[in-house]
Structure formats: C-alpha cells, structure tokens
C-alpha cells in the first residue's frame, strides 16, 4: 500500500470514530498528515472543521444520532450486506479470522469486528494487504454508506468518497447501481429488520 492510502485510511478511521477528547486533539496531526498529499485534505476538512468548532457534548450527540441510533448510516460493513440475518455471524467470523491471521493482537474494544474505523486502522497500521482485501470485498457497503451520508448532507460523505477512491473502479451513482456492481440482492432473511428498510426493497430495473 502506498503512503497516501495509508494516511487516508488512518485519517478516515479517526474521523469516523466517536468524537472524544483524544480525537479532537488529533485534528492538527490529521491536517498535517493529509497536507503532505496534494488534494487529500479537502475531503476531510468539513469534518475536521466540525471537530474543532463544535462543543464536545454537541459533537457526541450528533455522532450518536447519526451513526449509533437508527439504521441510516451504520458503520458496520456486514450490516449493509447481511443485516440482522443468521449469516451475519459467519461473516463476522471472517473479519475475526483476518485479524488473527495478521499475527497482531487486535483489540475490538467492545465493537463488532466489521466496524469500519477498526477495519481502516487495521489496513493502515497492521496488515495493509488483508485490510485492503476486506475493504474491496465490502466495497458495496462503503458505497451504500457514502450514498446515505450524501443523501442526508452529512460532511462524512466526502471521507467515504476518499476511501472508495483508493479502491479499483469508479463509484456507482446510486443504490441500484451498487447492487448491480456487487452482484447480489437484498438479504433473504429479515430477522429484526424494519420491513421498510430500503435495503430490503426490490431493485428497480431501468
């Protein structure tokens, strides 16, 4: 992995994480690292500006509302492909196996192993090949998250676009194109899912 992608992944991992005091203190470091690469900083600037300009409690409330509550912007990659189906347990095991094979001790810190900031940091700091493989395998999840953030006008959308730009191929323009690109339909089971979840609706054919 080249240095640019490594910095983008680590910066994205931090910017998509819960905005605690440590993250806010890292903002100057993130700006400095991204500034080493022409064109890298603008995608992150809106979130970095938000981190610096917003009171901590407001930041944290916004984060919980957008990423932890509801199902519009989940940061768990397999949620987009498998939802709350029985197959998801097998998929989470796949992520754990990738971490084990790296030979490094990966602290999940209470998170599921497909948590995007964790996958990004794994790719940036532990095993670039295995981490990049996970990102490529779940490219559709990244694109669905990007489109959801873009639709809701959230500044994190450009960070997802920066991540996707490091992977082969162009980004799809809409959810239907994502499904066609990935070659799969919605989950066959809907255990615990809202029946009107957009991922469960039939894909219209143009």
Protein backbone atom coordinates (compact mmCIF):
# COMPACT_ATOMS: atom_id res chain seq x y z
CA UNK A 1 0.00 0.00 0.00
CA UNK A 2 1.31 3.44 -0.83
CA UNK A 3 1.77 6.13 1.81
CA UNK A 4 -1.16 8.20 0.54
CA UNK A 5 -3.67 5.38 1.02
CA UNK A 6 -2.24 4.55 4.43
CA UNK A 7 -2.72 8.14 5.61
CA UNK A 8 -6.22 8.35 4.11
CA UNK A 9 -7.27 5.14 5.88
CA UNK A 10 -5.92 6.18 9.26
CA UNK A 11 -7.35 9.69 8.98
CA UNK A 12 -10.71 8.22 7.98
CA UNK A 13 -10.60 5.74 10.84
CA UNK A 14 -10.17 8.58 13.31
CA UNK A 15 -12.69 10.94 11.69
CA UNK A 16 -15.38 8.25 11.65
CA UNK A 17 -14.82 7.32 15.29
CA UNK A 18 -16.68 8.59 18.33
CA UNK A 19 -15.55 12.21 18.85
CA UNK A 20 -13.95 12.07 22.28
CA UNK A 21 -11.32 14.47 23.59
CA UNK A 22 -8.46 12.41 22.16
CA UNK A 23 -9.90 12.65 18.67
CA UNK A 24 -10.31 16.43 18.88
CA UNK A 25 -6.70 16.76 19.99
CA UNK A 26 -5.59 14.75 16.95
CA UNK A 27 -7.14 17.17 14.45
CA UNK A 28 -3.91 19.20 13.85
CA UNK A 29 -2.00 15.95 13.31
CA UNK A 30 -4.58 14.72 10.80
CA UNK A 31 -4.47 18.03 8.92
CA UNK A 32 -0.68 17.97 8.79
CA UNK A 33 -0.54 14.37 7.55
CA UNK A 34 -3.15 14.90 4.83
CA UNK A 35 -1.50 18.15 3.72
CA UNK A 36 1.52 16.15 2.59
CA UNK A 37 -0.53 14.88 -0.35
CA UNK A 38 -1.99 17.34 -2.87
CA UNK A 39 -5.77 17.21 -2.91
CA UNK A 40 -6.15 14.91 0.12
CA UNK A 41 -7.18 17.43 2.77
CA UNK A 42 -10.39 18.91 1.22
CA UNK A 43 -12.34 15.65 1.60
CA UNK A 44 -11.65 15.67 5.35
CA UNK A 45 -11.78 19.41 6.00
CA UNK A 46 -15.54 19.64 6.73
CA UNK A 47 -15.35 17.01 9.46
CA UNK A 48 -12.10 18.39 10.87
CA UNK A 49 -13.64 21.88 10.97
CA UNK A 50 -16.68 20.45 12.73
CA UNK A 51 -14.50 18.73 15.33
CA UNK A 52 -12.67 21.97 16.09
CA UNK A 53 -15.67 24.30 16.10
CA UNK A 54 -18.37 22.29 17.89
CA UNK A 55 -18.71 21.87 21.68
CA UNK A 56 -17.82 18.30 22.73
CA UNK A 57 -21.26 17.32 24.04
CA UNK A 58 -22.94 18.56 20.87
CA UNK A 59 -20.42 16.68 18.75
CA UNK A 60 -21.04 13.46 20.63
CA UNK A 61 -24.82 13.86 20.50
CA UNK A 62 -24.64 14.40 16.73
CA UNK A 63 -22.45 11.34 16.29
CA UNK A 64 -24.73 9.08 18.31
CA UNK A 65 -27.79 10.36 16.46
CA UNK A 66 -26.29 9.83 13.00
CA UNK A 67 -24.24 6.65 13.46
CA UNK A 68 -25.47 4.75 16.51
CA UNK A 69 -29.23 5.32 16.52
CA UNK A 70 -31.38 4.20 13.62
CA UNK A 71 -30.21 2.37 10.52
CA UNK A 72 -29.47 5.10 8.03
CA UNK A 73 -25.68 5.23 8.45
CA UNK A 74 -24.42 2.10 10.23
CA UNK A 75 -20.63 1.86 10.32
CA UNK A 76 -20.62 -1.94 10.40
CA UNK A 77 -19.78 -3.24 6.93
CA UNK A 78 -21.67 -6.52 7.04
CA UNK A 79 -24.86 -4.82 8.17
CA UNK A 80 -25.30 -3.44 4.67
CA UNK A 81 -24.94 -6.86 3.04
CA UNK A 82 -26.38 -9.20 5.66
CA UNK A 83 -28.45 -7.08 8.02
CA UNK A 84 -29.52 -8.94 11.14
CA UNK A 85 -29.57 -12.32 9.42
CA UNK A 86 -28.16 -15.56 10.75
CA UNK A 87 -25.47 -15.46 8.07
CA UNK A 88 -24.01 -12.33 9.63
CA UNK A 89 -22.40 -14.35 12.42
CA UNK A 90 -20.42 -16.28 9.85
CA UNK A 91 -19.40 -13.04 8.16
CA UNK A 92 -18.21 -11.50 11.44
CA UNK A 93 -16.12 -14.62 11.95
CA UNK A 94 -14.47 -13.90 8.60
CA UNK A 95 -13.33 -10.50 9.88
CA UNK A 96 -12.01 -12.04 13.11
CA UNK A 97 -10.09 -14.64 11.11
CA UNK A 98 -8.44 -11.90 9.03
CA UNK A 99 -7.30 -10.19 12.23
CA UNK A 100 -5.95 -13.44 13.68
CA UNK A 101 -4.01 -14.27 10.53
CA UNK A 102 -2.24 -10.91 10.72
CA UNK A 103 -0.31 -12.12 13.76
CA UNK A 104 -1.18 -8.93 15.65
CA UNK A 105 -3.36 -8.62 18.71
CA UNK A 106 -6.39 -6.61 17.59
CA UNK A 107 -8.34 -5.08 20.46
CA UNK A 108 -12.01 -4.96 19.43
CA UNK A 109 -12.75 -2.69 22.39
CA UNK A 110 -16.33 -3.87 22.56
CA UNK A 111 -17.02 -3.30 18.86
CA UNK A 112 -18.03 -5.85 16.27
CA UNK A 113 -15.06 -6.80 14.05
CA UNK A 114 -16.62 -5.27 10.92
CA UNK A 115 -16.71 -1.77 12.44
CA UNK A 116 -15.39 0.45 9.65
CA UNK A 117 -12.97 2.61 11.70
CA UNK A 118 -11.40 -0.60 13.02
CA UNK A 119 -11.05 -2.11 9.55
CA UNK A 120 -9.48 1.11 8.28
CA UNK A 121 -6.99 1.30 11.13
CA UNK A 122 -6.16 -2.38 10.61
CA UNK A 123 -5.42 -1.66 6.95
CA UNK A 124 -3.33 1.42 7.78
CA UNK A 125 -1.29 0.13 10.70
CA UNK A 126 -1.36 -3.66 10.90
CA UNK A 127 -1.80 -5.58 7.64
CA UNK A 128 -2.27 -3.47 4.54
CA UNK A 129 -2.95 -6.39 2.20
CA UNK A 130 -5.55 -8.07 4.41
CA UNK A 131 -7.16 -4.76 5.31
CA UNK A 132 -7.41 -3.69 1.70
CA UNK A 133 -8.92 -7.08 0.82
CA UNK A 134 -11.66 -6.51 3.41
CA UNK A 135 -12.38 -3.04 2.01
CA UNK A 136 -12.55 -4.36 -1.55
CA UNK A 137 -14.76 -7.25 -0.54
CA UNK A 138 -17.17 -4.85 1.16
CA UNK A 139 -16.91 -2.08 -1.41
CA UNK A 140 -20.69 -2.18 -1.84
CA UNK A 141 -21.14 -1.43 1.87
CA UNK A 142 -18.78 1.53 1.61
CA UNK A 143 -20.69 2.86 -1.38
CA UNK A 144 -24.09 2.41 0.29
CA UNK A 145 -22.82 4.29 3.34
CA UNK A 146 -21.37 7.03 1.13
CA UNK A 147 -24.66 7.47 -0.68
CA UNK A 148 -26.61 7.55 2.57
CA UNK A 149 -24.36 10.21 4.04
CA UNK A 150 -24.54 12.20 0.81
CA UNK A 151 -28.33 11.97 0.72
CA UNK A 152 -28.54 13.31 4.28
CA UNK A 153 -25.99 16.04 3.56
CA UNK A 154 -23.51 14.89 6.19
CA UNK A 155 -19.87 16.01 5.90
CA UNK A 156 -18.56 12.46 6.34
CA UNK A 157 -19.74 11.62 2.81
CA UNK A 158 -16.57 13.03 1.24
CA UNK A 159 -14.45 10.91 3.58
CA UNK A 160 -16.22 7.79 2.29
CA UNK A 161 -15.62 9.04 -1.23
CA UNK A 162 -11.90 9.37 -0.44
CA UNK A 163 -11.80 5.79 0.86
CA UNK A 164 -13.60 4.46 -2.22
CA UNK A 165 -11.23 6.41 -4.49
CA UNK A 166 -8.34 4.25 -3.21
CA UNK A 167 -10.08 1.10 -4.48
CA UNK A 168 -10.30 -0.16 -8.07
CA UNK A 169 -13.11 1.08 -10.30
CA UNK A 170 -15.43 4.06 -10.30
CA UNK A 171 -18.01 4.66 -7.61
CA UNK A 172 -21.63 3.88 -8.54
CA UNK A 173 -24.02 6.80 -8.81
CA UNK A 174 -26.96 5.27 -6.92
CA UNK A 175 -28.02 2.33 -4.76
CA UNK A 176 -29.36 0.31 -7.69
CA UNK A 177 -26.01 0.58 -9.43
CA UNK A 178 -24.28 -0.54 -6.22
CA UNK A 179 -26.43 -3.67 -6.13
CA UNK A 180 -25.67 -4.44 -9.76
CA UNK A 181 -21.95 -3.83 -9.22
CA UNK A 182 -21.91 -6.16 -6.21
CA UNK A 183 -23.92 -8.85 -7.93
CA UNK A 184 -26.28 -9.54 -5.06
CA UNK A 185 -29.78 -8.64 -3.97
CA UNK A 186 -31.18 -7.77 -0.55
CA UNK A 187 -30.78 -10.18 2.39
CA UNK A 188 -33.13 -13.17 2.19
CA UNK A 189 -33.90 -13.06 5.93
CA UNK A 190 -35.17 -10.03 7.79
CA UNK A 191 -34.72 -11.01 11.43
CA UNK A 192 -35.08 -7.81 13.44
CA UNK A 193 -35.07 -5.55 10.39
CA UNK A 194 -37.61 -2.90 9.61
CA UNK A 195 -39.68 -4.29 6.69
CA UNK A 196 -39.39 -0.89 5.02
CA UNK A 197 -35.61 -0.79 5.29
CA UNK A 198 -34.54 0.39 1.79
CA UNK A 199 -32.01 -2.44 1.53
CA UNK A 200 -34.89 -4.92 1.57
CA UNK A 201 -36.84 -3.35 -1.28
CA UNK A 202 -36.70 -4.82 -4.80
CA UNK A 203 -34.20 -3.23 -7.12
CA UNK A 204 -35.94 -1.46 -9.96
CA UNK A 205 -34.68 -2.19 -13.40
CA UNK A 206 -34.05 0.78 -15.64
